[in-house]
Structure formats: C-alpha cells, structure tokens
Protein backbone atom coordinates (compact mmCIF):
# COMPACT_ATOMS: atom_id res chain seq x y z
CA MET A 1 -27.53 -21.96 -0.25
CA GLY A 2 -27.94 -24.52 2.49
CA ALA A 3 -24.20 -24.94 3.15
CA LYS A 4 -23.39 -25.96 6.72
CA THR A 5 -19.58 -26.13 6.72
CA GLY A 6 -16.67 -24.15 5.26
CA LEU A 7 -16.06 -26.92 2.74
CA ALA A 8 -18.79 -25.37 0.57
CA GLY A 9 -16.46 -22.48 -0.15
CA VAL A 10 -13.84 -24.86 -1.48
CA PHE A 11 -16.29 -26.40 -3.96
CA THR A 12 -17.51 -22.92 -4.98
CA GLY A 13 -13.93 -21.83 -5.66
CA LEU A 14 -13.24 -24.93 -7.71
CA LEU A 15 -16.40 -24.37 -9.76
CA ILE A 16 -15.46 -20.77 -10.50
CA LEU A 17 -11.93 -21.83 -11.47
CA CYS A 18 -13.22 -24.43 -13.90
CA THR A 19 -15.63 -21.88 -15.39
CA LEU A 20 -12.82 -19.39 -16.00
CA LEU A 21 -10.54 -22.01 -17.52
CA PHE A 22 -12.90 -23.98 -19.73
CA LEU A 23 -16.25 -22.20 -20.11
CA THR A 24 -15.26 -18.61 -20.94
CA PRO A 25 -15.61 -19.16 -24.75
CA LEU A 26 -19.31 -19.75 -24.17
CA PHE A 27 -19.69 -16.16 -22.87
CA ASN A 28 -17.97 -14.42 -25.80
CA ASN A 29 -21.15 -13.94 -27.81
CA LEU A 30 -23.36 -12.82 -24.92
CA PRO A 31 -24.47 -9.15 -25.06
CA ASN A 32 -23.15 -6.80 -22.39
CA THR A 33 -26.67 -6.22 -21.09
CA VAL A 34 -26.95 -9.91 -20.25
CA LEU A 35 -23.60 -9.84 -18.47
CA GLY A 36 -24.73 -6.72 -16.57
CA ALA A 37 -27.95 -8.44 -15.54
CA ILE A 38 -25.91 -11.38 -14.22
CA VAL A 39 -23.74 -9.04 -12.16
CA ILE A 40 -26.78 -7.17 -10.80
CA ALA A 41 -28.54 -10.41 -9.90
CA ALA A 42 -25.42 -11.57 -8.06
CA CYS A 43 -24.83 -8.28 -6.20
CA ILE A 44 -28.38 -7.20 -5.37
CA LYS A 45 -28.38 -9.48 -2.34
CA LEU A 46 -25.39 -7.55 -0.98
CA PHE A 47 -27.55 -4.42 -0.67
CA ASP A 48 -28.73 -4.35 2.96
CA TYR A 49 -31.78 -2.09 2.77
CA SER A 50 -32.89 -2.76 6.36
CA GLU A 51 -29.51 -1.65 7.71
CA ALA A 52 -29.77 1.64 5.81
CA VAL A 53 -33.19 2.31 7.33
CA HIS A 54 -31.87 1.42 10.76
CA LEU A 55 -28.93 3.85 10.44
CA LEU A 56 -31.23 6.60 9.19
CA ARG A 57 -33.40 6.25 12.28
CA THR A 58 -30.63 5.88 14.85
CA ASN A 59 -27.61 7.85 13.63
CA PHE A 60 -27.78 10.14 10.62
CA ARG A 61 -23.99 10.51 10.49
CA ASP A 62 -23.51 6.77 10.11
CA PHE A 63 -26.18 6.82 7.42
CA LEU A 64 -24.18 9.42 5.48
CA LEU A 65 -21.10 7.22 5.69
CA TRP A 66 -23.12 4.26 4.47
CA MET A 67 -24.47 6.25 1.52
CA ALA A 68 -21.01 7.60 0.64
CA ALA A 69 -19.55 4.10 0.60
CA PHE A 70 -22.49 2.75 -1.43
CA ILE A 71 -22.51 5.50 -4.08
CA GLY A 72 -18.71 5.55 -4.33
CA THR A 73 -18.58 1.80 -4.83
CA ILE A 74 -21.34 1.80 -7.47
CA PHE A 75 -20.00 4.63 -9.62
CA LEU A 76 -16.27 4.77 -8.86
CA GLY A 77 -15.28 1.26 -7.86
CA ILE A 78 -14.77 -0.72 -4.71
CA GLU A 79 -11.39 0.74 -3.73
CA ILE A 80 -12.46 4.37 -4.22
CA GLY A 81 -15.78 3.83 -2.45
CA VAL A 82 -14.13 2.29 0.59
CA ALA A 83 -11.48 5.04 0.60
CA ILE A 84 -14.20 7.72 0.59
CA ALA A 85 -15.97 6.09 3.54
CA VAL A 86 -12.73 5.78 5.53
CA GLY A 87 -11.79 9.40 4.80
CA LEU A 88 -15.17 10.71 5.93
CA SER A 89 -14.94 8.60 9.09
CA LEU A 90 -11.59 10.21 9.96
CA VAL A 91 -13.07 13.66 9.34
CA PHE A 92 -15.91 12.95 11.76
CA VAL A 93 -13.51 11.60 14.40
CA ILE A 94 -11.28 14.67 14.14
CA TYR A 95 -14.28 16.98 14.39
CA GLU A 96 -15.60 15.24 17.50
CA SER A 97 -12.16 15.33 19.10
CA ALA A 98 -11.61 19.03 18.29
CA ASN A 99 -15.10 20.01 19.46
CA PRO A 100 -15.70 17.98 22.65
CA HIS A 101 -18.97 17.94 24.50
CA MET A 102 -19.15 20.18 27.56
CA ALA A 103 -21.97 20.42 30.07
CA ILE A 104 -23.11 22.56 32.97
CA LEU A 105 -23.70 20.40 36.03
CA GLY A 106 -26.20 20.67 38.85
CA ARG A 107 -26.89 18.62 41.97
CA LEU A 108 -29.70 16.11 41.82
CA PRO A 109 -32.17 16.67 44.68
CA ARG A 110 -31.50 14.65 47.86
CA THR A 111 -28.14 13.42 46.53
CA ALA A 112 -24.53 14.52 46.17
CA VAL A 113 -24.55 13.54 42.49
CA TYR A 114 -24.00 16.19 39.82
CA ARG A 115 -25.38 15.74 36.32
CA ASN A 116 -26.03 17.72 33.13
CA VAL A 117 -28.74 20.30 33.77
CA LYS A 118 -30.09 19.81 30.23
CA GLN A 119 -30.56 16.12 30.84
CA TYR A 120 -31.91 16.67 34.37
CA PRO A 121 -33.84 19.97 34.48
CA ASP A 122 -34.55 19.49 38.20
CA ALA A 123 -30.83 19.65 39.07
CA ILE A 124 -30.03 22.36 41.62
CA THR A 125 -27.59 25.13 40.74
CA HIS A 126 -26.14 27.92 42.89
CA PRO A 127 -25.83 31.56 41.83
CA GLY A 128 -22.19 32.57 41.67
CA ILE A 129 -20.97 28.97 41.18
CA LEU A 130 -20.57 27.33 37.77
CA ILE A 131 -19.68 23.65 37.36
CA ILE A 132 -18.43 22.59 33.92
CA ARG A 133 -17.68 19.03 32.85
CA ILE A 134 -15.31 18.45 29.91
CA ASP A 135 -16.12 15.14 28.23
CA ALA A 136 -12.82 14.58 26.39
CA PRO A 137 -9.05 14.63 26.85
CA MET A 138 -7.53 18.11 26.76
CA TYR A 139 -4.82 18.57 24.13
CA TYR A 140 -3.67 20.96 21.44
CA ALA A 141 -6.47 20.13 18.99
CA ASN A 142 -9.39 21.01 21.28
CA ILE A 143 -7.99 23.32 23.96
CA SER A 144 -8.89 26.45 21.98
CA TYR A 145 -12.48 25.28 21.67
CA ILE A 146 -12.60 24.50 25.40
CA LYS A 147 -11.20 27.93 26.25
CA ASP A 148 -13.74 29.70 24.05
CA LYS A 149 -16.58 27.61 25.44
CA LEU A 150 -15.62 28.45 29.03
CA ARG A 151 -15.58 32.14 28.20
CA HIS A 152 -18.99 31.78 26.58
CA TYR A 153 -20.41 30.19 29.72
CA LEU A 154 -18.91 32.88 31.94
CA VAL A 155 -20.11 35.76 29.81
CA SER A 156 -23.64 34.44 29.45
CA SER A 157 -23.73 33.17 33.07
CA LEU A 158 -25.97 30.28 32.06
CA HIS A 159 -28.00 28.87 34.94
CA PRO A 160 -31.03 26.66 34.37
CA PRO A 161 -34.20 27.35 36.36
CA GLN A 162 -34.32 25.55 39.66
CA ARG A 163 -36.96 23.02 40.51
CA SER A 164 -39.88 23.96 42.69
CA GLU A 165 -39.19 23.36 46.37
CA SER A 166 -42.85 23.48 47.43
CA THR A 167 -43.85 19.98 46.36
CA PRO A 168 -43.37 17.56 49.28
CA ASP A 169 -41.73 14.20 48.82
CA LEU A 170 -44.24 11.36 48.92
CA GLU A 171 -41.96 9.02 50.90
CA THR A 172 -40.52 11.34 53.55
CA GLY A 173 -43.14 14.10 53.60
CA ALA A 174 -40.37 16.70 53.32
CA ALA A 175 -39.40 18.99 50.51
CA PRO A 176 -37.46 17.18 47.75
CA SER A 177 -34.11 18.75 48.61
CA ASP A 178 -34.48 18.82 52.39
CA TRP A 179 -33.14 15.31 52.95
CA PRO A 180 -30.33 14.54 53.52
CA PHE A 181 -29.06 17.98 52.40
CA PRO A 182 -31.00 20.87 53.94
CA LYS A 183 -32.10 23.61 51.62
CA THR A 184 -29.86 26.65 51.80
CA GLU A 185 -30.51 30.28 51.06
CA ASP A 186 -28.47 29.99 47.87
CA GLU A 187 -30.83 27.35 46.51
CA GLU A 188 -33.81 29.61 47.13
CA ALA A 189 -32.29 32.48 45.20
CA THR A 190 -33.26 33.00 41.60
CA PRO A 191 -30.43 31.96 39.24
CA GLY A 192 -29.29 34.20 36.47
CA GLY A 193 -28.13 37.77 36.73
CA SER A 194 -25.49 36.81 39.29
CA PRO A 195 -21.85 36.98 38.17
CA VAL A 196 -19.88 33.77 38.41
CA ARG A 197 -17.30 33.92 41.19
CA TYR A 198 -16.32 30.25 41.38
CA LEU A 199 -15.68 28.05 38.34
CA ILE A 200 -15.39 24.32 39.05
CA LEU A 201 -14.02 22.05 36.32
CA ASP A 202 -15.18 18.46 36.68
CA MET A 203 -12.24 16.48 35.27
CA THR A 204 -13.86 13.04 35.55
CA PRO A 205 -13.90 12.26 31.77
CA VAL A 206 -10.50 13.92 31.14
CA THR A 207 -8.00 11.08 30.70
CA TYR A 208 -5.10 13.04 29.21
CA VAL A 209 -3.68 16.57 29.34
CA ASP A 210 -0.78 17.69 27.13
CA SER A 211 1.61 20.62 27.58
CA THR A 212 -0.45 22.95 25.39
CA ALA A 213 -3.51 22.36 27.55
CA VAL A 214 -1.49 22.99 30.72
CA HIS A 215 -0.23 26.33 29.37
CA THR A 216 -3.80 27.29 28.52
CA LEU A 217 -4.98 26.36 32.02
CA LYS A 218 -2.27 28.58 33.50
CA ASP A 219 -3.35 31.47 31.30
CA LEU A 220 -6.98 30.94 32.27
CA HIS A 221 -6.08 30.82 35.97
CA GLN A 222 -4.19 34.09 35.69
CA GLU A 223 -7.00 35.71 33.72
CA TYR A 224 -9.66 34.54 36.19
CA SER A 225 -7.60 35.68 39.18
CA GLN A 226 -7.41 39.19 37.75
CA GLN A 227 -11.19 39.17 37.36
CA GLY A 228 -11.76 37.99 40.94
CA LEU A 229 -12.91 34.54 39.82
CA HIS A 230 -11.63 31.42 41.56
CA LEU A 231 -10.83 28.26 39.56
CA ALA A 232 -11.23 24.81 41.14
CA LEU A 233 -10.69 21.24 39.91
CA SER A 234 -12.56 18.14 41.01
CA ASN A 235 -12.13 14.38 40.53
CA THR A 236 -8.87 14.51 38.60
CA ASN A 237 -7.45 11.07 37.80
CA LYS A 238 -3.89 10.09 38.68
CA ARG A 239 -2.41 10.50 35.21
CA VAL A 240 -3.75 14.02 34.78
CA MET A 241 -2.87 15.00 38.34
CA VAL A 242 0.75 13.88 37.88
CA THR A 243 1.01 15.97 34.71
CA LEU A 244 -0.45 19.03 36.40
CA ALA A 245 1.84 18.59 39.39
CA ARG A 246 5.00 18.23 37.29
CA THR A 247 4.18 21.39 35.35
CA GLY A 248 3.58 23.36 38.56
CA PHE A 249 -0.08 24.09 37.85
CA LEU A 250 -1.36 22.44 41.03
CA GLN A 251 1.04 24.49 43.12
CA ARG A 252 -0.13 27.67 41.39
CA LEU A 253 -3.76 26.69 41.83
CA GLY A 254 -3.29 25.78 45.48
CA PRO A 255 -4.17 22.53 47.25
CA GLU A 256 -7.28 24.13 48.74
CA TRP A 257 -8.83 24.39 45.27
CA HIS A 258 -8.37 20.75 44.25
CA PHE A 259 -11.15 18.41 45.37
CA VAL A 260 -12.05 14.74 45.14
CA ARG A 261 -15.73 15.37 44.41
CA ALA A 262 -17.64 18.19 42.80
CA HIS A 263 -19.91 18.28 45.85
CA ASP A 264 -16.95 19.03 48.14
CA ALA A 265 -15.92 21.89 45.86
CA VAL A 266 -19.44 23.31 45.90
CA GLN A 267 -19.64 23.20 49.69
CA VAL A 268 -16.35 25.08 50.04
CA CYS A 269 -17.44 27.68 47.48
CA LEU A 270 -20.77 28.12 49.28
CA SER A 271 -18.96 28.67 52.58
CA HIS A 272 -16.85 31.38 50.95
CA LEU A 273 -19.94 33.00 49.48
CA ARG A 274 -21.69 33.01 52.86
CA ALA A 275 -18.61 34.46 54.54
CA ASP A 276 -18.42 37.21 51.94
CA GLY A 277 -22.11 37.90 52.42
CA LEU A 278 -21.71 38.23 56.19
CA ARG A 279 -18.80 40.62 55.77
CA THR A 280 -20.84 42.67 53.32
CA SER A 281 -23.93 42.83 55.56
CA SER A 282 -21.99 43.59 58.81
CA PRO A 283 -22.19 47.20 60.21
CA PRO A 284 -19.41 49.62 59.31
CA SER A 285 -16.38 49.38 61.54
CA ASP A 286 -16.15 53.17 61.99
CA GLN A 287 -19.53 53.42 63.77
CA PRO A 288 -19.08 55.04 67.23
CA ILE A 289 -19.42 52.59 70.08
CA GLY A 290 -21.42 55.07 72.13
CA ASP A 291 -24.13 55.28 69.45
CA ALA A 292 -24.53 51.51 69.40
CA GLU A 293 -24.85 51.40 73.20
CA THR A 294 -27.43 54.21 73.11
CA GLU A 295 -29.50 52.30 70.56
CA ASP A 296 -29.36 49.13 72.68
CA THR A 297 -30.42 51.06 75.81
CA ALA A 298 -33.34 52.64 74.00
CA GLU A 299 -34.46 49.21 72.79
CA HIS A 300 -34.38 47.81 76.34
CA GLU A 301 -36.36 50.77 77.68
CA THR A 302 -39.00 50.32 74.98
CA GLU A 303 -39.28 46.63 75.84
CA ALA A 304 -39.72 47.43 79.54
CA GLU A 305 -42.44 49.97 78.78
CA ARG A 306 -44.26 47.40 76.65
CA ARG A 307 -44.16 44.89 79.50
CA ILE A 308 -45.60 47.47 81.92
CA GLU A 309 -48.47 48.32 79.59
CA GLU A 310 -49.30 44.64 79.05
CA ARG A 311 -49.32 43.99 82.78
CA GLU A 312 -51.63 46.96 83.39
CA ASN A 313 -54.08 45.73 80.76
CA VAL A 314 -54.16 42.23 82.22
CA ASP A 315 -54.21 42.85 85.96
CA GLY A 316 -55.63 46.37 86.09
CA ILE A 317 -54.76 48.86 88.77
CA ASN A 318 -55.57 47.50 92.22
CA LYS A 319 -54.20 47.51 95.64
CA ASP A 320 -51.24 45.29 94.80
CA GLY A 321 -50.78 46.64 91.28
CA HIS A 322 -48.81 49.69 92.34
CA THR A 323 -46.21 47.47 93.92
CA GLU A 324 -45.88 45.26 90.88
CA LEU A 325 -45.58 48.22 88.51
CA GLY A 326 -42.95 49.73 90.75
CA GLU A 327 -40.89 46.56 90.55
CA LEU A 328 -41.06 46.61 86.76
CA ARG A 329 -39.99 50.25 86.68
CA ASP A 330 -37.05 49.42 88.94
CA GLU A 331 -36.13 46.62 86.56
CA ARG A 332 -36.19 49.09 83.67
CA LYS A 333 -33.82 51.44 85.53
CA ASP A 334 -31.44 48.60 86.28
C-alpha cells in the first residue's frame, strides 16, 4: 500500500523469502481455519465485483467466461480454471466464425448508401431484388451455413416494409426519396409476394475466400441460373477478386454482373426489370397491322367529332358557323 516505484516488489519478495526460511515453524501449530482465513483475506481483494456487474450488463457471453474462470479457479485450481476459460473462448470464436452474421440491405433515402434493413427500417428495398451482405470471410467452416442462409432468404423472399413516401422533407420540401434519386415505380410497389430475380452479394466485409467457398459459389450460380435467378457481386476487394478470377468464377459469372458498388448493381437490375416489364406489357406481335390502323382511324374520327360538338356548343350555329364546321369536317376526312 502506498508504493510508488517497482522497488517495493523487491522488498516484498525479500520479506516473503525470509518468512519462508525462518518463520515457518511459528505457523506449525496454527489451525487450518486460521490459515484459510489468511488466504481468504489476501485473495478477497482480487475479486472484482464491479467488473462482473459490468460484463453482465454489456455482454452476457463474456460474463459466462468470467464466471467459468472464477468457479474453476476456486474449486479446481488456477491452472484448470484458466484452461476452462480459454477452452470456452475458443468454442465461442469457432461458433461465431462458423455462423457469420448476414444482413439484408436497403438503400437509405436520398443516398446511395445501403445498410441493414433491421437497423434502418426506413431503408428502401425493391421487389425482385435481394441484397445480402456477408459479414465474415468465406471458407470451409462457414460456407454451408452461408449457403443455407441464402436459400432461406430466397424461399421466404424477405422484404421489410418500405417507408412512407408521403411525408415531405423539411429542408427541401420534397418527398424523402425524391432527391437526389427520383422515386421509381419499383419503390412504390408493395414488397413481399414477388419472387427474387436478382441476388446481389455485398462482399465488402469478405476478406478471404478459399477453394471450398469458390466451389460452392459455382454450384449456387449454376443452381440460380437454372431457376432464372441472376447472381451479382459488388465491392469485392482485390484479394478475393484475384482468387475468384484464378478459379474461373468471374469468367463464369460474367463481367457485367460484377460491380464496384451495390447501388450500381441495383440500377442495372432495375433496368433489366423495367425492360422485362415493357416486353411483357407490349401488344402481341401476331396482331394484324390492318386492325391496329383501323383502331387508330376510329380514334381520330372520334376526336374530330368531339371537337365539332365543342365548337357548336361554344359558337352556336350562325351565319359563319356553317363554314367553320365544314372546315372541321374536311379536316376529319383528311
């Protein structure tokens, strides 16, 4: 108590050495309870109660490790207690690595930034497009979990509710998503119930990909292609991109489905969706040309008749009215 330099440890060591060498006979007749009380009095200050409360409030897993080390040390000894704590720590690390966090992303209003829709409920999603972020390296220990999780997302077609577009922005006076990205028809549609046609993997947190993960990605690409689903990658770092290129996955995927940003991938997927929608809504190609021309002629004649009736109601029939109506009828014939 009150020591200011490391020299105090030297004197403490010397005092303990002298006690062990010359004063141990004085402790021979002491009861074991007294010796136990001395040990408890010396070790009770090592119990950090405030740290245990802090861990319980902040991270329950760390609190379990703390309790395992404490109980193991008290009842089994220091070495066994520390070994138990280290072993449990390795178990937790392996579990986190084999079960990485994955998130569905959506675009924050008025930005090109994509974030977790659970963390940002106002994030905008698009029916038919699913953006998944994998928050861990992809290797043999977790690739099966990632594969199963992707299938779960595709089967359930999870899409969070979109934010209301009717509330104007206080600064610009426009709708929240109108600036600088205009609201599209896809953003107005109700999510859910629409099959996913484009799956975008945000590879930003992925720092490493092994051969097992590459083989799984190839299998997924083939499986998705057979189902009519397009796979795209965004923001892949150099190390991962080199691995994917050497294994031939990028060539199989195609350069048009590899993007720098998730926003670029979304824009391309939206353009494909709009093009498919236009092709679906276009008239059948086997419609006779003569029928279409007849319909157009009938529409023009109806428009001319409407103009004649409006002119009669406004001007009435007078001396000059017959001439004007005749001109309109000639225009209709032309």
